[in-house]
């Protein structure tokens, strides 16, 4: 379903980790900013810093939502 999408996830809490794992199951390629690489064991996810994100290749951004208590 998402096999041709490159999604960048810029920060977030444990809920975003769950979302990324579900997106991986759907075939998305993910760039994760602010997460340790040890959380994921998949070649389709790259953990990096924001300075190293190739935004020109990104199809969608997931950003954290503040104030959702």
PDB file of N, CA and C in Angstrom:
ATOM      1  N   UNK A   1       0.821  -1.193   0.000  1.00  0.00           N
ATOM      2  CA  UNK A   1       0.000   0.000   0.000  1.00  0.00           C
ATOM      3  C   UNK A   1       0.869   1.263   0.000  1.00  0.00           C
ATOM      4  N   UNK A   2       1.906   1.304   0.847  1.00  0.00           N
ATOM      5  CA  UNK A   2       2.778   2.466   0.934  1.00  0.00           C
ATOM      6  C   UNK A   2       4.160   2.172   0.365  1.00  0.00           C
ATOM      7  N   UNK A   3       4.282   1.166  -0.475  1.00  0.00           N
ATOM      8  CA  UNK A   3       5.592   0.692  -0.905  1.00  0.00           C
ATOM      9  C   UNK A   3       6.401   1.731  -1.677  1.00  0.00           C
ATOM     10  N   UNK A   4       5.772   2.719  -2.252  1.00  0.00           N
ATOM     11  CA  UNK A   4       6.527   3.720  -2.997  1.00  0.00           C
ATOM     12  C   UNK A   4       6.696   5.019  -2.225  1.00  0.00           C
ATOM     13  N   UNK A   5       6.253   5.066  -0.966  1.00  0.00           N
ATOM     14  CA  UNK A   5       6.329   6.296  -0.189  1.00  0.00           C
ATOM     15  C   UNK A   5       7.566   6.354   0.694  1.00  0.00           C
ATOM     16  N   UNK A   6       8.145   7.551   0.771  1.00  0.00           N
ATOM     17  CA  UNK A   6       9.232   7.834   1.702  1.00  0.00           C
ATOM     18  C   UNK A   6       8.668   8.831   2.702  1.00  0.00           C
ATOM     19  N   UNK A   7       8.575   8.408   3.954  1.00  0.00           N
ATOM     20  CA  UNK A   7       7.962   9.215   5.006  1.00  0.00           C
ATOM     21  C   UNK A   7       9.026   9.586   6.017  1.00  0.00           C
ATOM     22  N   UNK A   8       9.094  10.876   6.369  1.00  0.00           N
ATOM     23  CA  UNK A   8      10.012  11.347   7.406  1.00  0.00           C
ATOM     24  C   UNK A   8       9.211  11.620   8.676  1.00  0.00           C
ATOM     25  N   UNK A   9       9.671  11.056   9.779  1.00  0.00           N
ATOM     26  CA  UNK A   9       9.040  11.264  11.084  1.00  0.00           C
ATOM     27  C   UNK A   9      10.021  12.102  11.898  1.00  0.00           C
ATOM     28  N   UNK A  10       9.605  13.314  12.231  1.00  0.00           N
ATOM     29  CA  UNK A  10      10.492  14.252  12.908  1.00  0.00           C
ATOM     30  C   UNK A  10      10.098  14.366  14.376  1.00  0.00           C
ATOM     31  N   UNK A  11      10.689  13.543  15.213  1.00  0.00           N
ATOM     32  CA  UNK A  11      10.413  13.573  16.643  1.00  0.00           C
ATOM     33  C   UNK A  11       9.098  12.921  16.995  1.00  0.00           C
ATOM     34  N   UNK A  12       8.765  13.005  18.261  1.00  0.00           N
ATOM     35  CA  UNK A  12       7.528  12.400  18.746  1.00  0.00           C
ATOM     36  C   UNK A  12       7.819  11.432  19.876  1.00  0.00           C
ATOM     37  N   UNK A  13       6.771  10.883  20.448  1.00  0.00           N
ATOM     38  CA  UNK A  13       6.918   9.974  21.583  1.00  0.00           C
ATOM     39  C   UNK A  13       6.683   8.534  21.134  1.00  0.00           C
ATOM     40  N   UNK A  14       6.389   7.667  22.095  1.00  0.00           N
ATOM     41  CA  UNK A  14       6.228   6.238  21.798  1.00  0.00           C
ATOM     42  C   UNK A  14       5.075   5.945  20.843  1.00  0.00           C
ATOM     43  N   UNK A  15       4.099   6.818  20.779  1.00  0.00           N
ATOM     44  CA  UNK A  15       2.999   6.605  19.830  1.00  0.00           C
ATOM     45  C   UNK A  15       3.511   6.639  18.391  1.00  0.00           C
ATOM     46  N   UNK A  16       4.493   7.477  18.137  1.00  0.00           N
ATOM     47  CA  UNK A  16       5.062   7.583  16.791  1.00  0.00           C
ATOM     48  C   UNK A  16       5.898   6.366  16.434  1.00  0.00           C
ATOM     49  N   UNK A  17       6.509   5.750  17.442  1.00  0.00           N
ATOM     50  CA  UNK A  17       7.233   4.492  17.207  1.00  0.00           C
ATOM     51  C   UNK A  17       6.256   3.436  16.710  1.00  0.00           C
ATOM     52  N   UNK A  18       5.100   3.362  17.343  1.00  0.00           N
ATOM     53  CA  UNK A  18       4.068   2.409  16.920  1.00  0.00           C
ATOM     54  C   UNK A  18       3.597   2.716  15.493  1.00  0.00           C
ATOM     55  N   UNK A  19       3.382   3.981  15.191  1.00  0.00           N
ATOM     56  CA  UNK A  19       2.952   4.380  13.847  1.00  0.00           C
ATOM     57  C   UNK A  19       4.009   3.980  12.824  1.00  0.00           C
ATOM     58  N   UNK A  20       5.279   4.227  13.129  1.00  0.00           N
ATOM     59  CA  UNK A  20       6.342   3.873  12.191  1.00  0.00           C
ATOM     60  C   UNK A  20       6.389   2.373  11.939  1.00  0.00           C
ATOM     61  N   UNK A  21       6.215   1.597  12.983  1.00  0.00           N
ATOM     62  CA  UNK A  21       6.232   0.134  12.808  1.00  0.00           C
ATOM     63  C   UNK A  21       5.060  -0.325  11.942  1.00  0.00           C
ATOM     64  N   UNK A  22       3.907   0.314  12.071  1.00  0.00           N
ATOM     65  CA  UNK A  22       2.762  -0.030  11.228  1.00  0.00           C
ATOM     66  C   UNK A  22       3.006   0.393   9.776  1.00  0.00           C
ATOM     67  N   UNK A  23       3.606   1.551   9.590  1.00  0.00           N
ATOM     68  CA  UNK A  23       3.932   1.995   8.235  1.00  0.00           C
ATOM     69  C   UNK A  23       4.948   1.068   7.577  1.00  0.00           C
ATOM     70  N   UNK A  24       5.899   0.581   8.362  1.00  0.00           N
ATOM     71  CA  UNK A  24       6.873  -0.384   7.837  1.00  0.00           C
ATOM     72  C   UNK A  24       6.185  -1.654   7.363  1.00  0.00           C
ATOM     73  N   UNK A  25       5.197  -2.110   8.123  1.00  0.00           N
ATOM     74  CA  UNK A  25       4.448  -3.308   7.725  1.00  0.00           C
ATOM     75  C   UNK A  25       3.716  -3.098   6.402  1.00  0.00           C
ATOM     76  N   UNK A  26       3.357  -1.833   6.124  1.00  0.00           N
ATOM     77  CA  UNK A  26       2.660  -1.502   4.882  1.00  0.00           C
ATOM     78  C   UNK A  26       3.629  -1.229   3.737  1.00  0.00           C
ATOM     79  N   UNK A  27       4.940  -1.296   4.017  1.00  0.00           N
ATOM     80  CA  UNK A  27       5.940  -1.172   2.968  1.00  0.00           C
ATOM     81  C   UNK A  27       6.569   0.193   2.793  1.00  0.00           C
ATOM     82  N   UNK A  28       6.285   1.147   3.673  1.00  0.00           N
ATOM     83  CA  UNK A  28       6.853   2.484   3.538  1.00  0.00           C
ATOM     84  C   UNK A  28       8.341   2.488   3.868  1.00  0.00           C
ATOM     85  N   UNK A  29       9.071   3.414   3.262  1.00  0.00           N
ATOM     86  CA  UNK A  29      10.449   3.704   3.625  1.00  0.00           C
ATOM     87  C   UNK A  29      10.403   4.892   4.569  1.00  0.00           C
ATOM     88  N   UNK A  30      11.101   4.792   5.701  1.00  0.00           N
ATOM     89  CA  UNK A  30      10.975   5.802   6.744  1.00  0.00           C
ATOM     90  C   UNK A  30      12.337   6.356   7.118  1.00  0.00           C
ATOM     91  N   UNK A  31      12.371   7.675   7.275  1.00  0.00           N
ATOM     92  CA  UNK A  31      13.507   8.361   7.878  1.00  0.00           C
ATOM     93  C   UNK A  31      13.019   8.875   9.219  1.00  0.00           C
ATOM     94  N   UNK A  32      13.670   8.446  10.290  1.00  0.00           N
ATOM     95  CA  UNK A  32      13.259   8.817  11.645  1.00  0.00           C
ATOM     96  C   UNK A  32      14.294   9.754  12.251  1.00  0.00           C
ATOM     97  N   UNK A  33      13.832  10.908  12.716  1.00  0.00           N
ATOM     98  CA  UNK A  33      14.711  11.892  13.338  1.00  0.00           C
ATOM     99  C   UNK A  33      14.407  11.932  14.827  1.00  0.00           C
ATOM    100  N   UNK A  34      15.447  11.760  15.634  1.00  0.00           N
ATOM    101  CA  UNK A  34      15.279  11.838  17.082  1.00  0.00           C
ATOM    102  C   UNK A  34      15.001  10.506  17.752  1.00  0.00           C
ATOM    103  N   UNK A  35      15.236   9.421  17.058  1.00  0.00           N
ATOM    104  CA  UNK A  35      14.999   8.082  17.610  1.00  0.00           C
ATOM    105  C   UNK A  35      16.289   7.269  17.543  1.00  0.00           C
ATOM    106  N   UNK A  36      16.561   6.462  18.565  1.00  0.00           N
ATOM    107  CA  UNK A  36      17.742   5.600  18.501  1.00  0.00           C
ATOM    108  C   UNK A  36      17.519   4.441  17.524  1.00  0.00           C
ATOM    109  N   UNK A  37      18.556   4.094  16.808  1.00  0.00           N
ATOM    110  CA  UNK A  37      18.464   3.022  15.806  1.00  0.00           C
ATOM    111  C   UNK A  37      18.116   1.685  16.441  1.00  0.00           C
ATOM    112  N   UNK A  38      18.402   1.506  17.721  1.00  0.00           N
ATOM    113  CA  UNK A  38      18.132   0.238  18.406  1.00  0.00           C
ATOM    114  C   UNK A  38      16.637  -0.081  18.497  1.00  0.00           C
ATOM    115  N   UNK A  39      15.785   0.925  18.308  1.00  0.00           N
ATOM    116  CA  UNK A  39      14.340   0.684  18.373  1.00  0.00           C
ATOM    117  C   UNK A  39      13.830  -0.118  17.188  1.00  0.00           C
ATOM    118  N   UNK A  40      14.580  -0.101  16.105  1.00  0.00           N
ATOM    119  CA  UNK A  40      14.091  -0.692  14.861  1.00  0.00           C
ATOM    120  C   UNK A  40      15.109  -1.690  14.326  1.00  0.00           C
ATOM    121  N   UNK A  41      14.589  -2.749  13.765  1.00  0.00           N
ATOM    122  CA  UNK A  41      15.441  -3.756  13.139  1.00  0.00           C
ATOM    123  C   UNK A  41      14.909  -3.994  11.727  1.00  0.00           C
ATOM    124  N   UNK A  42      15.008  -2.945  10.905  1.00  0.00           N
ATOM    125  CA  UNK A  42      14.466  -3.021   9.559  1.00  0.00           C
ATOM    126  C   UNK A  42      15.312  -2.162   8.634  1.00  0.00           C
ATOM    127  N   UNK A  43      15.646  -2.690   7.489  1.00  0.00           N
ATOM    128  CA  UNK A  43      16.472  -1.967   6.519  1.00  0.00           C
ATOM    129  C   UNK A  43      15.727  -0.825   5.852  1.00  0.00           C
ATOM    130  N   UNK A  44      14.403  -0.764   6.013  1.00  0.00           N
ATOM    131  CA  UNK A  44      13.616   0.282   5.370  1.00  0.00           C
ATOM    132  C   UNK A  44      13.443   1.509   6.253  1.00  0.00           C
ATOM    133  N   UNK A  45      14.117   1.520   7.409  1.00  0.00           N
ATOM    134  CA  UNK A  45      14.066   2.691   8.281  1.00  0.00           C
ATOM    135  C   UNK A  45      15.477   3.191   8.526  1.00  0.00           C
ATOM    136  N   UNK A  46      15.628   4.506   8.411  1.00  0.00           N
ATOM    137  CA  UNK A  46      16.910   5.148   8.648  1.00  0.00           C
ATOM    138  C   UNK A  46      16.751   6.127   9.794  1.00  0.00           C
ATOM    139  N   UNK A  47      17.532   5.941  10.854  1.00  0.00           N
ATOM    140  CA  UNK A  47      17.540   6.877  11.973  1.00  0.00           C
ATOM    141  C   UNK A  47      18.684   7.853  11.749  1.00  0.00           C
ATOM    142  N   UNK A  48      18.375   9.136  11.781  1.00  0.00           N
ATOM    143  CA  UNK A  48      19.368  10.152  11.462  1.00  0.00           C
ATOM    144  C   UNK A  48      19.045  11.451  12.189  1.00  0.00           C
ATOM    145  N   UNK A  49      19.828  12.482  11.896  1.00  0.00           N
ATOM    146  CA  UNK A  49      19.558  13.818  12.412  1.00  0.00           C
ATOM    147  C   UNK A  49      18.857  14.627  11.332  1.00  0.00           C
ATOM    148  N   UNK A  50      18.244  15.719  11.740  1.00  0.00           N
ATOM    149  CA  UNK A  50      17.500  16.531  10.774  1.00  0.00           C
ATOM    150  C   UNK A  50      18.421  17.107   9.700  1.00  0.00           C
ATOM    151  N   UNK A  51      19.672  17.345  10.043  1.00  0.00           N
ATOM    152  CA  UNK A  51      20.616  17.899   9.063  1.00  0.00           C
ATOM    153  C   UNK A  51      20.896  16.925   7.923  1.00  0.00           C
ATOM    154  N   UNK A  52      20.663  15.631   8.145  1.00  0.00           N
ATOM    155  CA  UNK A  52      20.958  14.613   7.139  1.00  0.00           C
ATOM    156  C   UNK A  52      19.733  14.118   6.376  1.00  0.00           C
ATOM    157  N   UNK A  53      18.577  14.724   6.598  1.00  0.00           N
ATOM    158  CA  UNK A  53      17.363  14.299   5.898  1.00  0.00           C
ATOM    159  C   UNK A  53      17.373  14.883   4.483  1.00  0.00           C
ATOM    160  N   UNK A  54      17.194  14.035   3.502  1.00  0.00           N
ATOM    161  CA  UNK A  54      17.102  14.485   2.103  1.00  0.00           C
ATOM    162  C   UNK A  54      15.636  14.813   1.815  1.00  0.00           C
ATOM    163  N   UNK A  55      15.222  16.010   2.186  1.00  0.00           N
ATOM    164  CA  UNK A  55      13.818  16.396   2.077  1.00  0.00           C
ATOM    165  C   UNK A  55      13.295  16.343   0.643  1.00  0.00           C
ATOM    166  N   UNK A  56      14.176  16.474  -0.327  1.00  0.00           N
ATOM    167  CA  UNK A  56      13.729  16.419  -1.719  1.00  0.00           C
ATOM    168  C   UNK A  56      13.238  15.028  -2.108  1.00  0.00           C
ATOM    169  N   UNK A  57      13.549  14.011  -1.297  1.00  0.00           N
ATOM    170  CA  UNK A  57      13.098  12.647  -1.591  1.00  0.00           C
ATOM    171  C   UNK A  57      11.907  12.230  -0.730  1.00  0.00           C
ATOM    172  N   UNK A  58      11.482  13.102   0.169  1.00  0.00           N
ATOM    173  CA  UNK A  58      10.419  12.773   1.124  1.00  0.00           C
ATOM    174  C   UNK A  58       9.053  13.082   0.518  1.00  0.00           C
ATOM    175  N   UNK A  59       8.137  12.109   0.636  1.00  0.00           N
ATOM    176  CA  UNK A  59       6.769  12.289   0.147  1.00  0.00           C
ATOM    177  C   UNK A  59       5.830  12.850   1.206  1.00  0.00           C
ATOM    178  N   UNK A  60       6.121  12.557   2.483  1.00  0.00           N
ATOM    179  CA  UNK A  60       5.237  12.994   3.567  1.00  0.00           C
ATOM    180  C   UNK A  60       6.050  13.202   4.835  1.00  0.00           C
ATOM    181  N   UNK A  61       5.589  14.153   5.663  1.00  0.00           N
ATOM    182  CA  UNK A  61       6.212  14.407   6.962  1.00  0.00           C
ATOM    183  C   UNK A  61       5.202  14.078   8.064  1.00  0.00           C
ATOM    184  N   UNK A  62       5.682  13.437   9.110  1.00  0.00           N
ATOM    185  CA  UNK A  62       4.889  13.272  10.323  1.00  0.00           C
ATOM    186  C   UNK A  62       5.573  14.079  11.407  1.00  0.00           C
ATOM    187  N   UNK A  63       4.821  15.014  11.980  1.00  0.00           N
ATOM    188  CA  UNK A  63       5.356  15.906  12.991  1.00  0.00           C
ATOM    189  C   UNK A  63       4.661  15.663  14.313  1.00  0.00           C
ATOM    190  N   UNK A  64       5.354  15.889  15.436  1.00  0.00           N
ATOM    191  CA  UNK A  64       4.713  15.677  16.730  1.00  0.00           C
ATOM    192  C   UNK A  64       3.637  16.728  16.995  1.00  0.00           C
ATOM    193  N   UNK A  65       2.638  16.318  17.743  1.00  0.00           N
ATOM    194  CA  UNK A  65       1.545  17.205  18.124  1.00  0.00           C
ATOM    195  C   UNK A  65       1.712  17.527  19.597  1.00  0.00           C
ATOM    196  N   UNK A  66       1.789  18.804  19.917  1.00  0.00           N
ATOM    197  CA  UNK A  66       1.960  19.233  21.309  1.00  0.00           C
ATOM    198  C   UNK A  66       0.607  19.501  21.953  1.00  0.00           C
ATOM    199  N   UNK A  67       0.580  19.356  23.267  1.00  0.00           N
ATOM    200  CA  UNK A  67      -0.613  19.726  24.020  1.00  0.00           C
ATOM    201  C   UNK A  67      -1.755  18.745  23.950  1.00  0.00           C
ATOM    202  N   UNK A  68      -1.479  17.481  23.691  1.00  0.00           N
ATOM    203  CA  UNK A  68      -2.539  16.479  23.592  1.00  0.00           C
ATOM    204  C   UNK A  68      -2.586  15.638  24.861  1.00  0.00           C
ATOM    205  N   UNK A  69      -2.882  16.279  26.003  1.00  0.00           N
ATOM    206  CA  UNK A  69      -2.940  15.542  27.276  1.00  0.00           C
ATOM    207  C   UNK A  69      -4.288  14.938  27.528  1.00  0.00           C
TER     208      UNK A  69
END
